[in-house]
Each structure stands twice: as C-alpha cells, then as structure tokens.
Protein backbone atom coordinates (compact mmCIF):
# COMPACT_ATOMS: atom_id res chain seq x y z
CA MET A 1 0.36 -14.33 -5.20
CA LYS A 2 -2.70 -16.08 -3.79
CA THR A 3 -4.52 -14.52 -0.88
CA PRO A 4 -5.72 -16.55 2.15
CA LYS A 5 -9.32 -16.22 1.01
CA LYS A 6 -8.48 -17.41 -2.48
CA GLU A 7 -6.52 -20.35 -1.11
CA GLU A 8 -9.40 -21.28 1.19
CA GLU A 9 -11.83 -21.17 -1.72
CA GLU A 10 -9.57 -23.27 -3.93
CA GLU A 11 -9.07 -25.85 -1.18
CA TYR A 12 -12.81 -26.12 -0.70
CA LEU A 13 -13.46 -26.51 -4.43
CA SER A 14 -10.66 -29.05 -4.74
CA ALA A 15 -12.24 -31.13 -1.99
CA GLN A 16 -15.59 -30.87 -3.70
CA ALA A 17 -14.11 -31.92 -7.03
CA SER A 18 -12.94 -35.19 -5.51
CA ILE A 19 -16.51 -36.17 -4.68
CA PRO A 20 -18.03 -38.66 -7.15
CA GLY A 21 -20.58 -37.01 -9.42
CA TYR A 22 -18.97 -33.57 -9.05
CA VAL A 23 -20.21 -31.06 -11.65
CA SER A 24 -18.04 -28.12 -12.72
CA ASP A 25 -19.07 -24.49 -12.38
CA THR A 26 -19.35 -24.14 -16.14
CA GLU A 27 -21.79 -27.03 -16.38
CA LEU A 28 -23.84 -25.69 -13.48
CA ILE A 29 -23.89 -22.19 -14.94
CA LEU A 30 -25.11 -23.43 -18.30
CA SER A 31 -27.83 -25.50 -16.63
CA ALA A 32 -28.86 -22.57 -14.43
CA GLN A 33 -29.00 -20.29 -17.45
CA GLY A 34 -31.38 -22.82 -18.95
CA GLY A 35 -33.70 -22.47 -15.98
CA ASP A 36 -32.49 -25.32 -13.76
CA LEU A 37 -33.08 -24.02 -10.22
CA ASP A 38 -31.34 -27.02 -8.63
CA ALA A 39 -28.19 -26.28 -10.65
CA PHE A 40 -28.27 -22.66 -9.50
CA GLY A 41 -28.66 -23.75 -5.90
CA GLU A 42 -25.73 -26.15 -6.16
CA LEU A 43 -23.60 -23.46 -7.78
CA VAL A 44 -24.36 -20.83 -5.16
CA GLN A 45 -23.79 -23.29 -2.33
CA LYS A 46 -20.09 -23.34 -3.20
CA TYR A 47 -19.66 -19.65 -2.43
CA ASP A 48 -22.57 -18.41 -0.35
CA ARG A 49 -20.76 -18.73 2.99
CA HIS A 50 -18.46 -15.88 1.90
CA VAL A 51 -21.47 -13.83 0.82
CA LEU A 52 -23.10 -14.26 4.22
CA SER A 53 -19.84 -13.44 5.99
CA LEU A 54 -19.45 -10.23 3.99
CA ALA A 55 -23.09 -9.31 4.63
CA PHE A 56 -22.63 -9.66 8.38
CA SER A 57 -19.34 -7.75 8.37
CA TYR A 58 -21.12 -4.87 6.66
CA ALA A 59 -24.45 -4.88 8.50
CA ARG A 60 -23.18 -6.11 11.89
CA ASN A 61 -26.44 -7.83 12.82
CA SER A 62 -27.85 -11.14 11.68
CA ASP A 63 -31.26 -9.92 10.49
CA ASP A 64 -29.81 -7.32 8.11
CA ALA A 65 -27.11 -9.75 7.01
CA LYS A 66 -29.78 -12.30 6.06
CA ASP A 67 -31.66 -9.63 4.10
CA ILE A 68 -28.49 -8.71 2.19
CA TYR A 69 -27.71 -12.39 1.60
CA GLN A 70 -31.21 -13.15 0.28
CA GLU A 71 -31.26 -10.06 -1.94
CA THR A 72 -27.87 -11.06 -3.36
CA LEU A 73 -29.13 -14.52 -4.31
CA ILE A 74 -32.31 -13.10 -5.82
CA ARG A 75 -30.34 -10.67 -7.98
CA ALA A 76 -27.89 -13.39 -8.97
CA TYR A 77 -30.69 -15.72 -10.07
CA ARG A 78 -32.40 -12.97 -12.05
CA SER A 79 -29.12 -12.08 -13.77
CA ILE A 80 -27.59 -15.53 -14.29
CA ARG A 81 -28.56 -15.57 -17.97
CA LYS A 82 -26.47 -12.43 -18.47
CA PHE A 83 -23.35 -13.99 -16.99
CA GLU A 84 -20.86 -14.33 -19.87
CA MET A 85 -18.12 -16.22 -18.01
CA ARG A 86 -15.60 -13.44 -18.53
CA SER A 87 -14.71 -13.69 -14.85
CA GLU A 88 -14.99 -16.37 -12.21
CA PHE A 89 -18.51 -16.96 -10.97
CA SER A 90 -17.39 -16.24 -7.40
CA THR A 91 -16.11 -12.78 -8.38
CA TRP A 92 -19.38 -12.05 -10.17
CA LEU A 93 -21.41 -13.17 -7.15
CA TYR A 94 -19.32 -11.16 -4.68
CA ARG A 95 -19.69 -8.09 -6.88
CA ILE A 96 -23.45 -8.44 -6.67
CA ALA A 97 -23.14 -8.78 -2.90
CA THR A 98 -21.09 -5.59 -2.61
CA ASN A 99 -23.63 -3.72 -4.72
CA VAL A 100 -26.41 -4.91 -2.43
CA CYS A 101 -24.39 -3.82 0.61
CA ILE A 102 -23.77 -0.27 -0.56
CA SER A 103 -27.43 0.20 -1.49
CA PHE A 104 -28.74 -1.41 1.67
CA LYS A 105 -30.60 0.92 4.04
CA SER A 106 -30.56 -0.32 7.59
CA SER A 107 -32.59 1.37 10.31
CA GLN A 108 -30.34 -0.06 12.98
CA ARG A 109 -26.60 0.04 12.39
CA ARG A 110 -24.83 -2.04 14.98
CA TYR A 111 -21.07 -2.17 15.09
CA ALA A 112 -19.91 -3.80 18.31
CA GLU A 113 -16.16 -3.94 17.67
CA VAL A 114 -13.78 -1.46 19.22
CA PHE A 115 -10.41 -0.36 17.88
CA ARG A 116 -7.15 0.70 19.41
CA THR A 117 -6.57 4.44 19.59
CA GLY A 118 -4.82 6.80 22.02
CA SER A 119 -1.29 7.80 21.13
CA GLN A 120 -1.16 5.35 18.21
CA ARG A 121 -2.13 6.56 14.77
CA LEU A 122 -4.62 4.34 12.99
CA ASP A 123 -3.16 2.68 9.94
CA PRO A 124 -5.64 1.90 7.13
CA GLU A 125 -3.59 -1.17 6.18
CA ARG A 126 -3.33 -2.63 9.70
CA ALA A 127 -5.78 -5.05 11.26
CA TYR A 128 -7.26 -3.78 14.49
CA ASP A 129 -7.04 -5.22 17.98
CA PRO A 130 -9.56 -4.69 20.76
CA ALA A 131 -9.30 -1.39 22.58
CA PRO A 132 -7.01 -1.20 25.61
CA GLU A 133 -8.36 -1.38 29.11
CA PRO A 134 -9.80 1.91 30.42
CA ARG A 135 -7.41 3.96 32.50
CA SER A 136 -9.42 3.58 35.70
CA THR A 137 -9.34 0.33 37.66
CA GLU A 138 -12.80 1.00 39.05
CA SER A 139 -15.29 -1.38 37.46
CA THR A 140 -18.06 1.21 37.18
CA GLU A 141 -15.81 3.71 35.45
CA GLY A 142 -14.42 0.96 33.22
CA GLU A 143 -17.90 -0.01 32.13
CA PHE A 144 -18.74 3.62 31.43
CA MET A 145 -15.61 4.04 29.32
CA ARG A 146 -16.38 0.92 27.31
CA ALA A 147 -19.96 2.04 26.73
CA GLU A 148 -18.85 5.53 25.72
CA LEU A 149 -16.22 4.13 23.37
CA GLY A 150 -18.84 1.91 21.79
CA ARG A 151 -21.13 4.89 21.24
CA GLN A 152 -18.28 6.87 19.72
CA ILE A 153 -17.48 4.03 17.33
CA GLU A 154 -21.10 3.66 16.27
CA ARG A 155 -21.40 7.41 15.66
CA ALA A 156 -18.20 7.40 13.63
CA LEU A 157 -19.25 4.42 11.52
CA ASP A 158 -22.69 5.92 10.96
CA LYS A 159 -20.96 8.89 9.33
CA LEU A 160 -19.20 6.72 6.75
CA SER A 161 -20.56 6.61 3.25
CA PRO A 162 -21.84 3.18 2.15
CA MET A 163 -18.72 2.67 0.04
CA GLN A 164 -16.34 3.67 2.84
CA ARG A 165 -18.14 1.33 5.19
CA LEU A 166 -18.03 -1.52 2.67
CA VAL A 167 -14.33 -1.13 1.94
CA PHE A 168 -13.55 -0.94 5.67
CA ALA A 169 -15.58 -4.09 6.36
CA MET A 170 -14.01 -6.01 3.47
CA LYS A 171 -10.49 -5.03 4.53
CA HIS A 172 -10.62 -5.32 8.30
CA TYR A 173 -13.38 -7.87 8.90
CA GLU A 174 -13.18 -10.07 5.82
CA GLY A 175 -9.44 -9.83 5.22
CA TYR A 176 -9.54 -8.95 1.53
CA LYS A 177 -6.49 -7.37 -0.04
CA LEU A 178 -6.94 -3.92 -1.55
CA ARG A 179 -6.47 -5.25 -5.06
CA GLU A 180 -9.17 -7.86 -4.42
CA ILE A 181 -11.58 -5.21 -3.19
CA ALA A 182 -10.81 -3.12 -6.26
CA SER A 183 -11.50 -6.07 -8.55
CA ILE A 184 -14.73 -7.07 -6.85
CA THR A 185 -16.12 -3.53 -6.63
CA ASN A 186 -14.82 -2.62 -10.08
CA CYS A 187 -12.93 0.40 -8.71
CA ALA A 188 -9.37 1.61 -9.18
CA ASP A 189 -6.83 0.65 -6.51
CA GLY A 190 -6.32 4.32 -5.69
CA THR A 191 -10.03 4.84 -5.16
CA ILE A 192 -10.20 1.94 -2.71
CA LYS A 193 -7.21 3.31 -0.79
CA LYS A 194 -8.95 6.68 -0.59
CA TYR A 195 -12.16 5.17 0.78
CA LEU A 196 -10.20 3.21 3.38
CA PHE A 197 -8.10 6.19 4.43
CA GLU A 198 -11.17 8.41 4.85
CA ALA A 199 -12.97 5.72 6.87
CA VAL A 200 -10.04 5.28 9.24
CA ARG A 201 -9.53 9.04 9.58
CA ARG A 202 -13.15 9.47 10.69
CA LEU A 203 -12.80 6.67 13.21
CA GLN A 204 -9.58 8.17 14.52
CA LYS A 205 -11.15 11.58 15.01
CA GLU A 206 -14.06 10.18 17.01
CA LEU A 207 -12.00 7.77 19.11
CA GLU A 208 -9.32 10.31 20.03
CA GLU A 209 -11.99 12.38 21.77
CA VAL A 210 -12.64 9.50 24.21
CA TYR A 211 -9.01 9.31 25.29
CA GLU A 212 -8.14 13.00 25.41
C-alpha cells in the first residue's frame, strides 16, 4: 500500500518525466558518480524539498534546518560514488538526512507546537491537535497558561534522545508510517515503536502537570 508521501513523490516524478529532455535517476546518478556536479544538483532537486521539511520538523527553526539540509547535501555528494543502487536514491538521501538530524547539536531547541493532554491519554499512533483553550476565560491567565504549556513542551522535548526526537518528528510532523521510518533509519519496526512510545510518554508526563 502506497503512503501519501510516496504517492506525492511519484506524482511529482511522473510530471517531471513528461518534460522534454527528462533524464532518469539512474542516468543522473551515473553522471554524478563520474564527477558531474550539474547532474548531482538536478538529481537532488527532485527530493530536497522533503529533506528540508524533515530538517525543519526536527530542528524547529529555519537556521538549524538549513544547516541540517546543507550538511545532508554535502554528505550525499561526498558519498555518491558509494551508492550502489540497491535502494531508491530518495531512500538513500533521506537516510543521510536522518543521520545528520540525530547527530546534530543545536544550542537552541525550539518546538512551538502544543499537544492535547488533560484527561485524554496520548496515543503514539495518533496525530496531535492544538491544545485546548485554558480553563480561565481571563486573557491574562490564558496567556500565562499558553506560555507555561509551551515551556513544559520544550522541556519535555529537550529530554528526548536524538532518536526519539527524530522518530517523533517523522511520525507526527512529516506523516511517515512506522514502517517507512524503520526503512529509512535502518531500524526494526519494534525499535521505532519503542522510540515513539517513550517520546510520547515523556510528553504526557510533562503536560499532565500543567493541567493537574
């Protein structure tokens, strides 16, 4: 069964293939492996929007996302000669991006999103909606509650390991299926589920304190 991301990628590539002068990935890879920088640039251009999206979902600020994106492309170019075409180029490129993410050290971790908590239990498989309105109708108290919730979320996410944070971002910000995350990160499905469960459990613990 094709995932939404896979379908989007295939639709994009199909549209590109209809353009006169279209060159296949295989041809571009072989040219890039021979040192053709233009071929590498054309190849990466097909998939780099997903790399940048993943980088932002992980880092949560544009400067760090750009650093991750640039480092991913640098590593890909340096390693292109080692690519043996045993997998799709996109999978190989995304795997490099995930490796850059988990090794990336950011001095400022900014997660702005808030998640629903309270009486509901957080489900690792469920996408998250914005947090409910604060209990008080007073604007000053509402602003305080939002600010406090944001601080709690940031503290909780700061406690995640790089891999937990990556899996959480890929699942709930990028929309990847667990099996896709497992394939890209080269981990077992069970390991990915464990990372996701632990990430959500930490978030739940921190957020419940706000609404006690």
